[in-house]
């Protein structure tokens, strides 16, 4: 026996490093997913302004140009 380790010690060393590498990969994937979705899960999500809603309604064709201009003038 070489230093009292034998073949069992060599396998334990490989398994140990594979577990460490797996944990590092898991941590990187988890962190990247969390940072990408942070805005969606925020406690205070971004609120749309009245002007943003008005622009969307005009873009969808729900209101005419005249209505858009009149409401926009009222909002400002």
PDB file of N, CA and C in Angstrom:
ATOM      1  N   UNK A   1       0.848  -1.181   0.000  1.00  0.00           N
ATOM      2  CA  UNK A   1       0.000   0.000   0.000  1.00  0.00           C
ATOM      3  C   UNK A   1       0.887   1.235   0.000  1.00  0.00           C
ATOM      4  N   UNK A   2       0.504   2.155  -0.835  1.00  0.00           N
ATOM      5  CA  UNK A   2       1.287   3.373  -0.979  1.00  0.00           C
ATOM      6  C   UNK A   2       0.700   4.446  -0.071  1.00  0.00           C
ATOM      7  N   UNK A   3       1.352   4.712   1.012  1.00  0.00           N
ATOM      8  CA  UNK A   3       0.898   5.750   1.913  1.00  0.00           C
ATOM      9  C   UNK A   3      -0.414   5.428   2.584  1.00  0.00           C
ATOM     10  N   UNK A   4      -0.859   4.196   2.579  1.00  0.00           N
ATOM     11  CA  UNK A   4      -2.088   3.803   3.259  1.00  0.00           C
ATOM     12  C   UNK A   4      -3.359   4.145   2.500  1.00  0.00           C
ATOM     13  N   UNK A   5      -3.269   4.676   1.266  1.00  0.00           N
ATOM     14  CA  UNK A   5      -4.477   5.065   0.539  1.00  0.00           C
ATOM     15  C   UNK A   5      -5.022   3.923  -0.307  1.00  0.00           C
ATOM     16  N   UNK A   6      -4.207   3.259  -1.056  1.00  0.00           N
ATOM     17  CA  UNK A   6      -4.679   2.178  -1.911  1.00  0.00           C
ATOM     18  C   UNK A   6      -5.564   2.716  -3.020  1.00  0.00           C
ATOM     19  N   UNK A   7      -6.293   1.821  -3.718  1.00  0.00           N
ATOM     20  CA  UNK A   7      -7.148   2.226  -4.826  1.00  0.00           C
ATOM     21  C   UNK A   7      -8.399   2.977  -4.361  1.00  0.00           C
ATOM     22  N   UNK A   8      -8.905   2.682  -3.198  1.00  0.00           N
ATOM     23  CA  UNK A   8     -10.119   3.352  -2.697  1.00  0.00           C
ATOM     24  C   UNK A   8      -9.915   4.842  -2.527  1.00  0.00           C
ATOM     25  N   UNK A   9      -8.744   5.253  -2.067  1.00  0.00           N
ATOM     26  CA  UNK A   9      -8.458   6.677  -1.887  1.00  0.00           C
ATOM     27  C   UNK A   9      -8.442   7.425  -3.204  1.00  0.00           C
ATOM     28  N   UNK A  10      -7.981   6.797  -4.262  1.00  0.00           N
ATOM     29  CA  UNK A  10      -7.934   7.458  -5.555  1.00  0.00           C
ATOM     30  C   UNK A  10      -9.358   7.704  -6.080  1.00  0.00           C
ATOM     31  N   UNK A  11     -10.243   6.747  -5.930  1.00  0.00           N
ATOM     32  CA  UNK A  11     -11.635   6.929  -6.375  1.00  0.00           C
ATOM     33  C   UNK A  11     -12.342   8.008  -5.561  1.00  0.00           C
ATOM     34  N   UNK A  12     -12.070   8.044  -4.273  1.00  0.00           N
ATOM     35  CA  UNK A  12     -12.692   9.064  -3.432  1.00  0.00           C
ATOM     36  C   UNK A  12     -12.244  10.457  -3.880  1.00  0.00           C
ATOM     37  N   UNK A  13     -11.003  10.599  -4.244  1.00  0.00           N
ATOM     38  CA  UNK A  13     -10.499  11.889  -4.711  1.00  0.00           C
ATOM     39  C   UNK A  13     -11.203  12.354  -5.970  1.00  0.00           C
ATOM     40  N   UNK A  14     -11.395  11.460  -6.952  1.00  0.00           N
ATOM     41  CA  UNK A  14     -12.113  11.810  -8.190  1.00  0.00           C
ATOM     42  C   UNK A  14     -13.563  12.184  -7.907  1.00  0.00           C
ATOM     43  N   UNK A  15     -14.211  11.415  -7.079  1.00  0.00           N
ATOM     44  CA  UNK A  15     -15.617  11.691  -6.751  1.00  0.00           C
ATOM     45  C   UNK A  15     -15.734  13.046  -6.042  1.00  0.00           C
ATOM     46  N   UNK A  16     -14.816  13.315  -5.132  1.00  0.00           N
ATOM     47  CA  UNK A  16     -14.819  14.585  -4.405  1.00  0.00           C
ATOM     48  C   UNK A  16     -14.743  15.759  -5.385  1.00  0.00           C
ATOM     49  N   UNK A  17     -13.826  15.714  -6.341  1.00  0.00           N
ATOM     50  CA  UNK A  17     -13.666  16.809  -7.295  1.00  0.00           C
ATOM     51  C   UNK A  17     -14.846  16.897  -8.253  1.00  0.00           C
ATOM     52  N   UNK A  18     -15.436  15.791  -8.628  1.00  0.00           N
ATOM     53  CA  UNK A  18     -16.627  15.833  -9.479  1.00  0.00           C
ATOM     54  C   UNK A  18     -17.794  16.506  -8.764  1.00  0.00           C
ATOM     55  N   UNK A  19     -17.928  16.221  -7.474  1.00  0.00           N
ATOM     56  CA  UNK A  19     -18.986  16.864  -6.685  1.00  0.00           C
ATOM     57  C   UNK A  19     -18.731  18.365  -6.596  1.00  0.00           C
ATOM     58  N   UNK A  20     -17.494  18.767  -6.377  1.00  0.00           N
ATOM     59  CA  UNK A  20     -17.160  20.191  -6.294  1.00  0.00           C
ATOM     60  C   UNK A  20     -17.481  20.891  -7.623  1.00  0.00           C
ATOM     61  N   UNK A  21     -17.098  20.285  -8.725  1.00  0.00           N
ATOM     62  CA  UNK A  21     -17.369  20.876 -10.046  1.00  0.00           C
ATOM     63  C   UNK A  21     -18.876  20.971 -10.282  1.00  0.00           C
ATOM     64  N   UNK A  22     -19.625  19.954  -9.913  1.00  0.00           N
ATOM     65  CA  UNK A  22     -21.085  19.975 -10.083  1.00  0.00           C
ATOM     66  C   UNK A  22     -21.714  21.098  -9.263  1.00  0.00           C
ATOM     67  N   UNK A  23     -21.236  21.314  -8.049  1.00  0.00           N
ATOM     68  CA  UNK A  23     -21.775  22.383  -7.195  1.00  0.00           C
ATOM     69  C   UNK A  23     -21.468  23.749  -7.805  1.00  0.00           C
ATOM     70  N   UNK A  24     -20.280  23.928  -8.341  1.00  0.00           N
ATOM     71  CA  UNK A  24     -19.923  25.202  -8.962  1.00  0.00           C
ATOM     72  C   UNK A  24     -20.800  25.461 -10.189  1.00  0.00           C
ATOM     73  N   UNK A  25     -21.017  24.457 -11.015  1.00  0.00           N
ATOM     74  CA  UNK A  25     -21.872  24.619 -12.203  1.00  0.00           C
ATOM     75  C   UNK A  25     -23.300  24.951 -11.778  1.00  0.00           C
ATOM     76  N   UNK A  26     -23.810  24.260 -10.787  1.00  0.00           N
ATOM     77  CA  UNK A  26     -25.160  24.531 -10.284  1.00  0.00           C
ATOM     78  C   UNK A  26     -25.267  25.976  -9.783  1.00  0.00           C
ATOM     79  N   UNK A  27     -24.259  26.453  -9.049  1.00  0.00           N
ATOM     80  CA  UNK A  27     -24.284  27.811  -8.512  1.00  0.00           C
ATOM     81  C   UNK A  27     -24.281  28.845  -9.637  1.00  0.00           C
ATOM     82  N   UNK A  28     -23.477  28.630 -10.666  1.00  0.00           N
ATOM     83  CA  UNK A  28     -23.418  29.573 -11.797  1.00  0.00           C
ATOM     84  C   UNK A  28     -24.761  29.617 -12.526  1.00  0.00           C
ATOM     85  N   UNK A  29     -25.357  28.475 -12.789  1.00  0.00           N
ATOM     86  CA  UNK A  29     -26.640  28.427 -13.488  1.00  0.00           C
ATOM     87  C   UNK A  29     -27.729  29.099 -12.647  1.00  0.00           C
ATOM     88  N   UNK A  30     -27.765  28.813 -11.367  1.00  0.00           N
ATOM     89  CA  UNK A  30     -28.768  29.406 -10.481  1.00  0.00           C
ATOM     90  C   UNK A  30     -28.612  30.919 -10.419  1.00  0.00           C
ATOM     91  N   UNK A  31     -27.393  31.403 -10.282  1.00  0.00           N
ATOM     92  CA  UNK A  31     -27.155  32.844 -10.209  1.00  0.00           C
ATOM     93  C   UNK A  31     -27.551  33.536 -11.502  1.00  0.00           C
ATOM     94  N   UNK A  32     -27.217  32.947 -12.636  1.00  0.00           N
ATOM     95  CA  UNK A  32     -27.553  33.591 -13.912  1.00  0.00           C
ATOM     96  C   UNK A  32     -29.065  33.636 -14.124  1.00  0.00           C
ATOM     97  N   UNK A  33     -29.779  32.602 -13.732  1.00  0.00           N
ATOM     98  CA  UNK A  33     -31.245  32.607 -13.861  1.00  0.00           C
ATOM     99  C   UNK A  33     -31.870  33.641 -12.943  1.00  0.00           C
ATOM    100  N   UNK A  34     -31.357  33.769 -11.730  1.00  0.00           N
ATOM    101  CA  UNK A  34     -31.912  34.728 -10.776  1.00  0.00           C
ATOM    102  C   UNK A  34     -31.676  36.157 -11.226  1.00  0.00           C
ATOM    103  N   UNK A  35     -30.506  36.444 -11.748  1.00  0.00           N
ATOM    104  CA  UNK A  35     -30.232  37.817 -12.162  1.00  0.00           C
ATOM    105  C   UNK A  35     -31.035  38.187 -13.399  1.00  0.00           C
ATOM    106  N   UNK A  36     -31.318  37.243 -14.266  1.00  0.00           N
ATOM    107  CA  UNK A  36     -32.087  37.512 -15.482  1.00  0.00           C
ATOM    108  C   UNK A  36     -33.555  37.773 -15.151  1.00  0.00           C
ATOM    109  N   UNK A  37     -34.099  37.095 -14.165  1.00  0.00           N
ATOM    110  CA  UNK A  37     -35.520  37.216 -13.841  1.00  0.00           C
ATOM    111  C   UNK A  37     -35.791  38.160 -12.674  1.00  0.00           C
ATOM    112  N   UNK A  38     -34.799  38.909 -12.243  1.00  0.00           N
ATOM    113  CA  UNK A  38     -34.949  39.736 -11.047  1.00  0.00           C
ATOM    114  C   UNK A  38     -36.057  40.761 -11.201  1.00  0.00           C
ATOM    115  N   UNK A  39     -36.164  41.406 -12.352  1.00  0.00           N
ATOM    116  CA  UNK A  39     -37.173  42.445 -12.529  1.00  0.00           C
ATOM    117  C   UNK A  39     -38.581  41.870 -12.480  1.00  0.00           C
ATOM    118  N   UNK A  40     -38.778  40.668 -13.006  1.00  0.00           N
ATOM    119  CA  UNK A  40     -40.103  40.065 -13.001  1.00  0.00           C
ATOM    120  C   UNK A  40     -40.549  39.701 -11.596  1.00  0.00           C
ATOM    121  N   UNK A  41     -39.606  39.352 -10.716  1.00  0.00           N
ATOM    122  CA  UNK A  41     -39.967  38.922  -9.372  1.00  0.00           C
ATOM    123  C   UNK A  41     -39.772  40.016  -8.332  1.00  0.00           C
ATOM    124  N   UNK A  42     -39.555  41.231  -8.771  1.00  0.00           N
ATOM    125  CA  UNK A  42     -39.304  42.340  -7.860  1.00  0.00           C
ATOM    126  C   UNK A  42     -40.535  42.602  -6.993  1.00  0.00           C
ATOM    127  N   UNK A  43     -40.300  43.060  -5.768  1.00  0.00           N
ATOM    128  CA  UNK A  43     -41.403  43.375  -4.869  1.00  0.00           C
ATOM    129  C   UNK A  43     -42.170  44.594  -5.371  1.00  0.00           C
ATOM    130  N   UNK A  44     -41.491  45.462  -6.107  1.00  0.00           N
ATOM    131  CA  UNK A  44     -42.120  46.664  -6.645  1.00  0.00           C
ATOM    132  C   UNK A  44     -41.919  46.697  -8.156  1.00  0.00           C
ATOM    133  N   UNK A  45     -42.732  45.962  -8.899  1.00  0.00           N
ATOM    134  CA  UNK A  45     -42.561  45.948 -10.353  1.00  0.00           C
ATOM    135  C   UNK A  45     -42.833  47.332 -10.947  1.00  0.00           C
ATOM    136  N   UNK A  46     -42.224  47.592 -12.090  1.00  0.00           N
ATOM    137  CA  UNK A  46     -42.369  48.880 -12.754  1.00  0.00           C
ATOM    138  C   UNK A  46     -43.829  49.081 -13.159  1.00  0.00           C
ATOM    139  N   UNK A  47     -44.378  50.221 -12.770  1.00  0.00           N
ATOM    140  CA  UNK A  47     -45.761  50.545 -13.114  1.00  0.00           C
ATOM    141  C   UNK A  47     -45.777  51.332 -14.414  1.00  0.00           C
ATOM    142  N   UNK A  48     -46.755  51.044 -15.256  1.00  0.00           N
ATOM    143  CA  UNK A  48     -46.909  51.792 -16.497  1.00  0.00           C
ATOM    144  C   UNK A  48     -47.531  53.146 -16.191  1.00  0.00           C
ATOM    145  N   UNK A  49     -47.032  54.153 -16.865  1.00  0.00           N
ATOM    146  CA  UNK A  49     -47.625  55.479 -16.704  1.00  0.00           C
ATOM    147  C   UNK A  49     -48.904  55.554 -17.537  1.00  0.00           C
ATOM    148  N   UNK A  50     -49.690  56.569 -17.258  1.00  0.00           N
ATOM    149  CA  UNK A  50     -50.929  56.758 -18.013  1.00  0.00           C
ATOM    150  C   UNK A  50     -50.615  57.007 -19.483  1.00  0.00           C
ATOM    151  N   UNK A  51     -49.516  57.708 -19.742  1.00  0.00           N
ATOM    152  CA  UNK A  51     -49.136  57.982 -21.128  1.00  0.00           C
ATOM    153  C   UNK A  51     -48.735  56.701 -21.855  1.00  0.00           C
ATOM    154  N   UNK A  52     -48.045  55.786 -21.156  1.00  0.00           N
ATOM    155  CA  UNK A  52     -47.691  54.497 -21.758  1.00  0.00           C
ATOM    156  C   UNK A  52     -48.945  53.708 -22.139  1.00  0.00           C
ATOM    157  N   UNK A  53     -49.921  53.705 -21.258  1.00  0.00           N
ATOM    158  CA  UNK A  53     -51.173  52.987 -21.519  1.00  0.00           C
ATOM    159  C   UNK A  53     -51.899  53.623 -22.703  1.00  0.00           C
ATOM    160  N   UNK A  54     -51.895  54.956 -22.731  1.00  0.00           N
ATOM    161  CA  UNK A  54     -52.548  55.673 -23.829  1.00  0.00           C
ATOM    162  C   UNK A  54     -51.892  55.335 -25.167  1.00  0.00           C
ATOM    163  N   UNK A  55     -50.559  55.297 -25.191  1.00  0.00           N
ATOM    164  CA  UNK A  55     -49.841  54.967 -26.428  1.00  0.00           C
ATOM    165  C   UNK A  55     -50.166  53.546 -26.893  1.00  0.00           C
ATOM    166  N   UNK A  56     -50.274  52.629 -25.956  1.00  0.00           N
ATOM    167  CA  UNK A  56     -50.613  51.247 -26.315  1.00  0.00           C
ATOM    168  C   UNK A  56     -52.022  51.164 -26.899  1.00  0.00           C
ATOM    169  N   UNK A  57     -52.958  51.893 -26.293  1.00  0.00           N
ATOM    170  CA  UNK A  57     -54.340  51.878 -26.795  1.00  0.00           C
ATOM    171  C   UNK A  57     -54.405  52.440 -28.205  1.00  0.00           C
ATOM    172  N   UNK A  58     -53.639  53.506 -28.451  1.00  0.00           N
ATOM    173  CA  UNK A  58     -53.607  54.094 -29.798  1.00  0.00           C
ATOM    174  C   UNK A  58     -52.971  53.127 -30.789  1.00  0.00           C
ATOM    175  N   UNK A  59     -51.903  52.472 -30.376  1.00  0.00           N
ATOM    176  CA  UNK A  59     -51.216  51.518 -31.257  1.00  0.00           C
ATOM    177  C   UNK A  59     -52.116  50.330 -31.593  1.00  0.00           C
ATOM    178  N   UNK A  60     -52.960  49.921 -30.658  1.00  0.00           N
ATOM    179  CA  UNK A  60     -53.864  48.791 -30.908  1.00  0.00           C
ATOM    180  C   UNK A  60     -55.078  49.197 -31.740  1.00  0.00           C
ATOM    181  N   UNK A  61     -55.272  50.495 -31.904  1.00  0.00           N
ATOM    182  CA  UNK A  61     -56.417  50.963 -32.681  1.00  0.00           C
ATOM    183  C   UNK A  61     -57.675  51.121 -31.857  1.00  0.00           C
ATOM    184  N   UNK A  62     -57.550  51.136 -30.550  1.00  0.00           N
ATOM    185  CA  UNK A  62     -58.722  51.271 -29.686  1.00  0.00           C
ATOM    186  C   UNK A  62     -59.252  52.696 -29.676  1.00  0.00           C
ATOM    187  N   UNK A  63     -58.393  53.672 -29.940  1.00  0.00           N
ATOM    188  CA  UNK A  63     -58.812  55.070 -29.956  1.00  0.00           C
ATOM    189  C   UNK A  63     -58.288  55.727 -31.242  1.00  0.00           C
ATOM    190  N   UNK A  64     -58.964  56.805 -31.633  1.00  0.00           N
ATOM    191  CA  UNK A  64     -58.555  57.519 -32.842  1.00  0.00           C
ATOM    192  C   UNK A  64     -57.431  58.504 -32.508  1.00  0.00           C
ATOM    193  N   UNK A  65     -56.846  59.080 -33.557  1.00  0.00           N
ATOM    194  CA  UNK A  65     -55.767  60.050 -33.372  1.00  0.00           C
ATOM    195  C   UNK A  65     -56.273  61.273 -32.599  1.00  0.00           C
ATOM    196  N   UNK A  66     -57.495  61.714 -32.918  1.00  0.00           N
ATOM    197  CA  UNK A  66     -58.064  62.874 -32.230  1.00  0.00           C
ATOM    198  C   UNK A  66     -58.246  62.589 -30.736  1.00  0.00           C
ATOM    199  N   UNK A  67     -58.774  61.395 -30.428  1.00  0.00           N
ATOM    200  CA  UNK A  67     -58.939  61.015 -29.024  1.00  0.00           C
ATOM    201  C   UNK A  67     -57.583  60.935 -28.333  1.00  0.00           C
ATOM    202  N   UNK A  68     -56.606  60.369 -29.019  1.00  0.00           N
ATOM    203  CA  UNK A  68     -55.257  60.252 -28.462  1.00  0.00           C
ATOM    204  C   UNK A  68     -54.703  61.630 -28.106  1.00  0.00           C
ATOM    205  N   UNK A  69     -54.797  62.567 -29.064  1.00  0.00           N
ATOM    206  CA  UNK A  69     -54.255  63.911 -28.837  1.00  0.00           C
ATOM    207  C   UNK A  69     -54.985  64.622 -27.704  1.00  0.00           C
ATOM    208  N   UNK A  70     -56.316  64.461 -27.646  1.00  0.00           N
ATOM    209  CA  UNK A  70     -57.104  65.121 -26.595  1.00  0.00           C
ATOM    210  C   UNK A  70     -56.744  64.574 -25.215  1.00  0.00           C
ATOM    211  N   UNK A  71     -56.675  63.253 -25.096  1.00  0.00           N
ATOM    212  CA  UNK A  71     -56.354  62.645 -23.809  1.00  0.00           C
ATOM    213  C   UNK A  71     -54.915  62.959 -23.398  1.00  0.00           C
ATOM    214  N   UNK A  72     -54.017  62.950 -24.385  1.00  0.00           N
ATOM    215  CA  UNK A  72     -52.618  63.274 -24.106  1.00  0.00           C
ATOM    216  C   UNK A  72     -52.497  64.697 -23.550  1.00  0.00           C
ATOM    217  N   UNK A  73     -53.255  65.608 -24.158  1.00  0.00           N
ATOM    218  CA  UNK A  73     -53.239  67.007 -23.702  1.00  0.00           C
ATOM    219  C   UNK A  73     -53.770  67.102 -22.269  1.00  0.00           C
ATOM    220  N   UNK A  74     -54.815  66.323 -21.955  1.00  0.00           N
ATOM    221  CA  UNK A  74     -55.367  66.312 -20.601  1.00  0.00           C
ATOM    222  C   UNK A  74     -54.365  65.772 -19.581  1.00  0.00           C
ATOM    223  N   UNK A  75     -53.596  64.796 -19.996  1.00  0.00           N
ATOM    224  CA  UNK A  75     -52.644  64.177 -19.063  1.00  0.00           C
ATOM    225  C   UNK A  75     -51.456  65.087 -18.749  1.00  0.00           C
ATOM    226  N   UNK A  76     -51.110  65.936 -19.705  1.00  0.00           N
ATOM    227  CA  UNK A  76     -49.934  66.802 -19.500  1.00  0.00           C
ATOM    228  C   UNK A  76     -50.329  68.080 -18.886  1.00  0.00           C
TER     229      UNK A  76
END
